[in-house]
Each structure stands twice: as structure tokens, then as C-alpha cells.
């Protein structure tokens, strides 16, 4: 039942100067009207499965992740098969080329424009970086050249928000443009900080360190993703939810400790002479505090127990026993050469 205001022409009797006068007037009344709406049920893959929206969402999420992994692995395989020999050398020489003389620094800025342009064409920075990353792995693109390409991709991906903002109208257009422009200038400010000055291009060194560490300890990549994308944000969010006093009391000393360790590490590699003899290396600390080897041993043992496939380090020994063989039995008559088995 739906309540609606219905206006009708009715004869209304009113009292004027002691006399009843009947007049036609428009009278608005609230009436309940029964409305029948025919709603057509949407057709989709799981419409007759009896699953709720949460279960369907989880299934589709798992399927999407599997498809994403399969596509990425396929991209890597295809690129490895295509970029070999002469083709790989041509692509490597073209992408990693530098401008001559004093204009060599402009090659990086050109790479930023190329990364932004290609990302605008595909409308996805994830697709662009996922395609370029295997090329770095097989040595076609250097990390130093991949860095500006990725920065340009971060600029190109902001066009998606700008296009979506222009689809609105009125007040929504203004609000949408504000958010899209904030996204654009946030990425531009990051490039202005971390690229023009070579000293501040430390993400390149961090990427090399992460790659070398992952090559030695394969589990490190998974641990890094879990810590940086789940544990650390949850930790900071918990402290901020408790209050800024807790965030300052706990996060402040931890941030200061990280800064001190980073500065000491830089000085150990660049200017070890300015450090005391005790701080020129970390050998005086327990092994688990300056090496991943103890943690690697623990994780390796846990995986071996979990997978029920402990490594067998015993070497197989082959024993040789001398056997006397009568060669004359294998020689045919008339053979002038001896046969040895």
C-alpha cells in the first residue's frame, strides 16, 4: 500500500454571514493506493545456487585471483619466449638508450612521459607494470630505466579518475574534480621529491636489496607483503584508534630507531671512518638481529614438517665389486680383435 495525495473537485458547504453556501473547491486528501510492481529478477551465474551474496563474492574473488595469477604467469612465459636473441638485444638497446653528452639526464624524463602515455592508452597502471616487470627479470629493461617508467605510470593512472569526474554534473562535478586533481598532484609531488635529485632515488637501491634478499630467501617476499600490507597498517591503525598519545608514545621511538639504523647502515657503506670501531659492522649483535639465516632455518624446518618432505642429506654410495669374466666365451672364431665388456 502506498499513500498518495489526491486532489479532487468537490462541493463544499461553508458558512458565510450565517448562510450556508455550497461551492466547488479543489480538496486534497491522503488516500492509500495499492500498487503492484513487477520486478524482474536479474539473471547471473549463481542465481539458482542458493548462495548468499557474501559466498558468491568470495567465490568470485578467488576465481579472479586465480585468473590474475594465470594471466601474469602466461605473460612472463610469452615474453620469455619472444624476447630472445636478436630481438632481446634490439629491445634492450632501444629502451635503455641514453641521450648523448650532457643531455643524458633527459632520458629518464622521456621514460616518465612514455610510461604515462602507455598507461593512459591501457587505462591501468597494474597492466603496464605487470607487463614491464618480467622484462626487468629477464634483463631486457634495467631497474634504473624501469623506475621512471613506473613513475610515469602513476601519472597516467590518474586520468581514469579525471574521466570519471567529468562524467558527473553540477555540484558532483566539482567534488569529483577536486578528488581527481588531488590524486594527480599527490603523484606529481611524489615524483618531484623522489626523482629529480639522484641522491633521493633510494627506491632503486631498496628494490635491488629486496630482490637480492628474495633470491636468497624465497619466503621473504611473502613475509614482506604480509608485514607491509596487513600487519604494519593494522598496527598503525590500532594505535591511532587508541589515541594520538599512544601513537606518539609507541610510534615515535620506533620511527626514531628505524632512522638511526638506516643512517648507520648508510655510513657503514659510504663513510665507515666516521663511525666508532664498534659500529662499523653489526657482528657484535646476536646473529638473529643482523641476519635472516636463523629465521630461514626455522621456516625451512617448519615447511619440511608441514609438507612431510624432509631433506635427506645422506649421500648415496655406489659399491663396486670386482668380477672375473671369461672373455673367450664372447669371441667368435676368426675375430682378430678382443672384445672387453
Protein backbone atom coordinates (compact mmCIF):
# COMPACT_ATOMS: atom_id res chain seq x y z
CA UNK A 1 0.00 0.00 0.00
CA UNK A 2 1.26 3.47 -0.97
CA UNK A 3 -0.04 6.72 0.49
CA UNK A 4 -0.62 9.44 -2.12
CA UNK A 5 -2.05 12.96 -2.08
CA UNK A 6 -5.09 13.08 -4.40
CA UNK A 7 -6.67 16.40 -5.39
CA UNK A 8 -10.34 16.27 -6.41
CA UNK A 9 -13.06 18.77 -7.30
CA UNK A 10 -15.75 18.58 -4.58
CA UNK A 11 -18.82 20.53 -3.45
CA UNK A 12 -18.01 22.11 -0.12
CA UNK A 13 -20.59 23.85 2.05
CA UNK A 14 -19.26 26.79 4.06
CA UNK A 15 -20.96 29.14 6.49
CA UNK A 16 -20.74 32.78 5.47
CA UNK A 17 -22.65 35.50 7.36
CA UNK A 18 -24.97 32.92 8.85
CA UNK A 19 -25.86 31.47 5.46
CA UNK A 20 -24.72 28.02 4.20
CA UNK A 21 -23.19 28.42 0.77
CA UNK A 22 -22.19 25.46 -1.39
CA UNK A 23 -19.17 25.95 -3.62
CA UNK A 24 -16.99 23.79 -5.82
CA UNK A 25 -13.43 23.63 -4.44
CA UNK A 26 -10.27 21.61 -5.00
CA UNK A 27 -9.74 19.36 -1.99
CA UNK A 28 -6.52 17.41 -1.41
CA UNK A 29 -6.81 14.21 0.58
CA UNK A 30 -4.38 11.44 1.54
CA UNK A 31 -5.52 8.11 0.19
CA UNK A 32 -3.93 4.68 0.28
CA UNK A 33 -3.49 3.15 -3.14
CA UNK A 34 -2.49 -0.45 -3.72
CA UNK A 35 0.37 -0.55 -6.23
CA UNK A 36 1.65 -3.71 -7.85
CA UNK A 37 5.23 -3.57 -9.12
CA UNK A 38 6.59 -6.27 -11.36
CA UNK A 39 10.30 -6.65 -10.58
CA UNK A 40 12.24 -8.87 -12.93
CA UNK A 41 14.88 -10.96 -11.22
CA UNK A 42 18.39 -10.46 -12.56
CA UNK A 43 19.96 -13.47 -14.19
CA UNK A 44 23.52 -14.37 -13.17
CA UNK A 45 25.73 -17.40 -12.79
CA UNK A 46 24.77 -18.32 -9.22
CA UNK A 47 21.08 -17.28 -9.29
CA UNK A 48 19.74 -20.78 -8.60
CA UNK A 49 22.57 -21.99 -6.35
CA UNK A 50 21.03 -20.82 -3.08
CA UNK A 51 24.23 -18.99 -2.05
CA UNK A 52 24.06 -15.59 -0.39
CA UNK A 53 25.86 -12.50 -1.66
CA UNK A 54 28.86 -13.00 0.67
CA UNK A 55 29.52 -16.54 -0.51
CA UNK A 56 29.17 -15.54 -4.16
CA UNK A 57 31.55 -12.62 -3.61
CA UNK A 58 34.20 -14.85 -2.01
CA UNK A 59 33.95 -17.38 -4.85
CA UNK A 60 34.29 -14.68 -7.49
CA UNK A 61 37.23 -13.13 -5.61
CA UNK A 62 39.10 -16.45 -5.53
CA UNK A 63 38.37 -17.08 -9.21
CA UNK A 64 39.55 -13.55 -10.10
CA UNK A 65 42.81 -14.00 -8.17
CA UNK A 66 43.45 -17.33 -9.87
CA UNK A 67 42.80 -15.82 -13.29
CA UNK A 68 45.09 -12.90 -12.46
CA UNK A 69 47.94 -15.23 -11.43
CA UNK A 70 47.45 -17.39 -14.53
CA UNK A 71 47.50 -14.33 -16.79
CA UNK A 72 50.66 -12.96 -15.16
CA UNK A 73 52.44 -16.31 -15.45
CA UNK A 74 51.33 -16.56 -19.08
CA UNK A 75 52.62 -13.06 -19.80
CA UNK A 76 56.01 -14.00 -18.33
CA UNK A 77 56.18 -17.18 -20.40
CA UNK A 78 55.22 -15.41 -23.62
CA UNK A 79 57.72 -12.60 -23.07
CA UNK A 80 60.47 -15.08 -22.26
CA UNK A 81 59.79 -16.97 -25.46
CA UNK A 82 59.53 -13.86 -27.65
CA UNK A 83 62.35 -11.72 -26.31
CA UNK A 84 65.32 -13.88 -27.10
CA UNK A 85 68.41 -13.50 -29.19
CA UNK A 86 68.48 -10.60 -31.60
CA UNK A 87 65.02 -9.30 -30.62
CA UNK A 88 66.05 -9.07 -26.97
CA UNK A 89 69.23 -7.21 -27.86
CA UNK A 90 67.34 -4.68 -30.04
CA UNK A 91 64.66 -4.05 -27.38
CA UNK A 92 67.27 -3.75 -24.64
CA UNK A 93 69.35 -1.29 -26.64
CA UNK A 94 66.29 0.83 -27.54
CA UNK A 95 64.65 1.04 -24.13
CA UNK A 96 67.85 1.56 -22.15
CA UNK A 97 69.28 4.11 -24.61
CA UNK A 98 70.60 7.42 -23.29
CA UNK A 99 70.80 10.84 -24.87
CA UNK A 100 74.34 11.84 -25.87
CA UNK A 101 76.51 14.12 -23.81
CA UNK A 102 75.07 16.41 -21.19
CA UNK A 103 71.52 15.66 -22.28
CA UNK A 104 71.66 12.12 -20.89
CA UNK A 105 69.58 13.13 -17.86
CA UNK A 106 66.60 13.82 -20.15
CA UNK A 107 66.23 10.12 -20.99
CA UNK A 108 64.62 9.46 -17.61
CA UNK A 109 62.06 12.24 -18.08
CA UNK A 110 61.25 10.90 -21.53
CA UNK A 111 60.69 7.49 -19.92
CA UNK A 112 58.26 9.13 -17.49
CA UNK A 113 56.27 10.54 -20.42
CA UNK A 114 56.32 7.15 -22.18
CA UNK A 115 55.08 5.39 -19.05
CA UNK A 116 52.30 7.95 -18.61
CA UNK A 117 51.26 7.70 -22.26
CA UNK A 118 51.14 3.90 -22.34
CA UNK A 119 49.19 3.80 -19.08
CA UNK A 120 46.66 6.28 -20.49
CA UNK A 121 46.20 4.01 -23.50
CA UNK A 122 45.56 0.84 -21.45
CA UNK A 123 43.83 2.74 -18.60
CA UNK A 124 45.57 0.61 -15.98
CA UNK A 125 48.91 1.06 -14.24
CA UNK A 126 48.67 -2.53 -12.97
CA UNK A 127 48.64 -3.91 -16.51
CA UNK A 128 51.57 -1.71 -17.51
CA UNK A 129 53.77 -2.57 -14.52
CA UNK A 130 52.81 -6.25 -14.67
CA UNK A 131 53.96 -6.32 -18.29
CA UNK A 132 57.20 -4.45 -17.66
CA UNK A 133 58.25 -6.35 -14.53
CA UNK A 134 59.05 -9.64 -16.35
CA UNK A 135 61.19 -7.67 -18.79
CA UNK A 136 63.27 -6.49 -15.86
CA UNK A 137 63.51 -10.04 -14.60
CA UNK A 138 64.94 -11.35 -17.87
CA UNK A 139 67.34 -8.42 -18.15
CA UNK A 140 65.77 -6.58 -21.09
CA UNK A 141 64.99 -3.43 -19.06
CA UNK A 142 67.32 -2.14 -16.37
CA UNK A 143 65.98 -1.20 -12.95
CA UNK A 144 67.25 2.36 -13.45
CA UNK A 145 65.04 2.67 -16.55
CA UNK A 146 62.09 0.85 -15.02
CA UNK A 147 61.99 3.38 -12.18
CA UNK A 148 60.94 6.41 -14.32
CA UNK A 149 58.59 4.22 -16.36
CA UNK A 150 56.79 3.28 -13.15
CA UNK A 151 56.65 6.89 -12.03
CA UNK A 152 55.09 7.84 -15.35
CA UNK A 153 52.59 5.04 -14.94
CA UNK A 154 51.49 6.59 -11.65
CA UNK A 155 50.71 9.80 -13.54
CA UNK A 156 48.86 8.03 -16.34
CA UNK A 157 46.60 6.16 -13.95
CA UNK A 158 45.18 9.45 -12.63
CA UNK A 159 43.42 10.03 -15.96
CA UNK A 160 40.90 7.35 -15.04
CA UNK A 161 39.75 9.44 -12.08
CA UNK A 162 39.65 12.60 -14.19
CA UNK A 163 37.48 10.92 -16.84
CA UNK A 164 35.15 9.57 -14.15
CA UNK A 165 34.87 13.04 -12.60
CA UNK A 166 33.90 14.62 -15.92
CA UNK A 167 31.01 12.16 -16.18
CA UNK A 168 29.27 13.96 -13.30
CA UNK A 169 27.36 17.21 -13.46
CA UNK A 170 26.58 20.13 -11.18
CA UNK A 171 27.94 20.02 -7.66
CA UNK A 172 29.07 16.42 -8.14
CA UNK A 173 31.37 17.53 -10.96
CA UNK A 174 33.14 19.98 -8.69
CA UNK A 175 33.62 17.45 -5.89
CA UNK A 176 34.74 14.74 -8.28
CA UNK A 177 37.29 17.03 -9.94
CA UNK A 178 38.69 18.03 -6.57
CA UNK A 179 39.37 14.42 -5.64
CA UNK A 180 40.79 13.56 -9.08
CA UNK A 181 43.10 16.59 -9.08
CA UNK A 182 44.24 15.77 -5.54
CA UNK A 183 45.20 12.32 -6.82
CA UNK A 184 47.09 13.84 -9.74
CA UNK A 185 49.05 16.35 -7.67
CA UNK A 186 49.80 13.76 -5.00
CA UNK A 187 51.55 11.60 -7.59
CA UNK A 188 53.25 14.61 -9.17
CA UNK A 189 54.59 15.72 -5.79
CA UNK A 190 55.97 12.22 -5.19
CA UNK A 191 57.83 12.34 -8.50
CA UNK A 192 59.13 15.84 -7.70
CA UNK A 193 60.59 14.54 -4.44
CA UNK A 194 61.97 11.14 -5.43
CA UNK A 195 63.27 11.62 -8.97
CA UNK A 196 64.93 14.96 -9.93
CA UNK A 197 67.66 14.67 -7.26
CA UNK A 198 69.72 11.48 -7.86
CA UNK A 199 70.51 11.15 -4.15
CA UNK A 200 66.81 10.74 -3.37
CA UNK A 201 66.30 7.88 -5.82
CA UNK A 202 66.78 5.40 -2.98
CA UNK A 203 63.76 3.27 -4.08
CA UNK A 204 66.11 1.83 -6.74
CA UNK A 205 68.55 0.64 -4.09
CA UNK A 206 65.71 -0.68 -1.95
CA UNK A 207 64.34 -2.64 -4.93
CA UNK A 208 67.74 -4.21 -5.57
CA UNK A 209 68.11 -5.13 -1.90
CA UNK A 210 64.64 -6.68 -1.80
CA UNK A 211 65.35 -8.61 -4.99
CA UNK A 212 68.68 -9.96 -3.75
CA UNK A 213 67.19 -10.91 -0.40
CA UNK A 214 64.26 -12.68 -2.06
CA UNK A 215 66.69 -14.56 -4.31
CA UNK A 216 68.43 -15.92 -1.19
CA UNK A 217 65.27 -16.47 0.88
CA UNK A 218 62.18 -17.17 -1.22
CA UNK A 219 59.82 -16.82 1.75
CA UNK A 220 60.96 -13.23 2.29
CA UNK A 221 58.68 -11.88 -0.47
CA UNK A 222 55.58 -13.35 1.17
CA UNK A 223 56.63 -12.13 4.61
CA UNK A 224 57.30 -8.65 3.24
CA UNK A 225 53.83 -8.45 1.64
CA UNK A 226 52.10 -9.67 4.81
CA UNK A 227 54.01 -7.29 7.07
CA UNK A 228 53.82 -4.16 4.92
CA UNK A 229 50.26 -4.56 3.60
CA UNK A 230 48.50 -6.13 6.61
CA UNK A 231 50.42 -6.18 9.89
CA UNK A 232 52.00 -2.73 9.75
CA UNK A 233 48.81 -0.87 8.62
CA UNK A 234 46.78 -2.73 11.24
CA UNK A 235 49.35 -1.81 13.90
CA UNK A 236 49.31 1.89 12.98
CA UNK A 237 45.50 1.91 12.71
CA UNK A 238 45.20 0.32 16.16
CA UNK A 239 47.49 2.91 17.73
CA UNK A 240 45.68 5.79 16.01
CA UNK A 241 42.31 4.42 17.11
CA UNK A 242 43.56 4.24 20.70
CA UNK A 243 44.55 7.92 20.56
CA UNK A 244 47.32 10.15 19.30
CA UNK A 245 49.05 9.85 22.69
CA UNK A 246 49.55 6.09 22.18
CA UNK A 247 50.60 6.63 18.57
CA UNK A 248 53.22 9.19 19.61
CA UNK A 249 54.43 7.17 22.61
CA UNK A 250 54.90 3.93 20.66
CA UNK A 251 55.38 5.06 17.07
CA UNK A 252 57.76 7.92 17.87
CA UNK A 253 60.55 5.83 19.44
CA UNK A 254 60.16 3.11 16.80
CA UNK A 255 60.42 5.64 13.96
CA UNK A 256 63.50 7.20 15.61
CA UNK A 257 65.11 3.75 15.97
CA UNK A 258 64.50 2.99 12.28
CA UNK A 259 66.03 6.32 11.23
CA UNK A 260 69.13 5.72 13.39
CA UNK A 261 69.61 2.21 11.95
CA UNK A 262 69.24 3.48 8.37
CA UNK A 263 71.76 6.30 8.96
CA UNK A 264 74.28 3.91 10.49
CA UNK A 265 73.87 1.47 7.59
CA UNK A 266 74.46 4.26 5.07
CA UNK A 267 77.56 5.43 6.93
CA UNK A 268 78.87 1.86 7.13
CA UNK A 269 78.84 1.63 3.33
CA UNK A 270 79.72 5.24 2.41
CA UNK A 271 81.88 6.66 5.20
CA UNK A 272 82.84 3.95 7.69
CA UNK A 273 85.74 6.04 9.03
CA UNK A 274 83.39 8.46 10.81
CA UNK A 275 81.90 5.65 12.91
CA UNK A 276 83.35 4.17 16.08
CA UNK A 277 85.01 0.79 15.70
CA UNK A 278 82.04 -0.87 17.40
CA UNK A 279 79.52 0.46 14.85
CA UNK A 280 81.49 -0.26 11.66
CA UNK A 281 79.60 -3.56 11.42
CA UNK A 282 76.83 -5.43 13.20
CA UNK A 283 78.85 -8.53 14.03
CA UNK A 284 78.73 -7.76 17.74
CA UNK A 285 74.96 -8.27 17.73
CA UNK A 286 73.36 -11.70 18.03
CA UNK A 287 73.10 -13.48 14.68
CA UNK A 288 69.30 -13.30 14.53
CA UNK A 289 69.43 -9.49 14.81
CA UNK A 290 71.58 -8.89 11.70
CA UNK A 291 70.95 -11.96 9.57
CA UNK A 292 67.94 -13.85 8.22
CA UNK A 293 69.75 -17.18 8.36
CA UNK A 294 68.36 -18.30 11.76
CA UNK A 295 64.81 -17.40 10.68
CA UNK A 296 65.39 -19.17 7.37
CA UNK A 297 66.40 -22.34 9.23
CA UNK A 298 63.25 -22.22 11.36
CA UNK A 299 60.95 -21.60 8.37
CA UNK A 300 62.66 -24.31 6.33
CA UNK A 301 62.16 -26.85 9.12
CA UNK A 302 58.52 -25.83 9.56
CA UNK A 303 57.85 -26.19 5.85
CA UNK A 304 59.62 -29.55 5.81
CA UNK A 305 57.43 -30.83 8.66
CA UNK A 306 54.28 -29.37 7.11
CA UNK A 307 54.95 -30.84 3.69
CA UNK A 308 56.24 -34.15 5.10
CA UNK A 309 59.23 -33.95 2.84
CA UNK A 310 62.31 -33.57 4.98
CA UNK A 311 65.51 -33.28 3.09
CA UNK A 312 67.70 -36.32 3.11
CA UNK A 313 71.26 -35.11 3.27
CA UNK A 314 72.80 -38.58 3.23
CA UNK A 315 74.73 -39.25 0.06
CA UNK A 316 74.16 -42.41 -1.88
CA UNK A 317 77.23 -44.63 -2.05
CA UNK A 318 77.86 -46.89 -5.01
CA UNK A 319 79.84 -50.03 -4.28
CA UNK A 320 81.90 -51.71 -7.00
CA UNK A 321 82.70 -55.40 -6.74
CA UNK A 322 85.37 -56.98 -8.95
CA UNK A 323 84.00 -59.79 -11.13
CA UNK A 324 86.07 -62.11 -13.25
CA UNK A 325 84.64 -62.71 -16.73
CA UNK A 326 85.86 -65.24 -19.25
CA UNK A 327 86.07 -63.08 -22.39
CA UNK A 328 86.80 -66.05 -24.65
CA UNK A 329 83.16 -67.11 -24.45
CA UNK A 330 82.10 -63.90 -26.21
CA UNK A 331 84.64 -64.09 -29.01
CA UNK A 332 83.69 -65.63 -32.30
CA UNK A 333 86.04 -67.71 -34.31
CA UNK A 334 88.10 -65.72 -36.73
CA UNK A 335 87.87 -62.48 -34.74
CA UNK A 336 91.24 -60.86 -34.56
CA UNK A 337 90.21 -58.15 -32.06
CA UNK A 338 89.43 -58.62 -28.40
CA UNK A 339 86.12 -57.53 -27.01
CA UNK A 340 86.00 -56.20 -23.50
CA UNK A 341 82.74 -55.95 -21.62
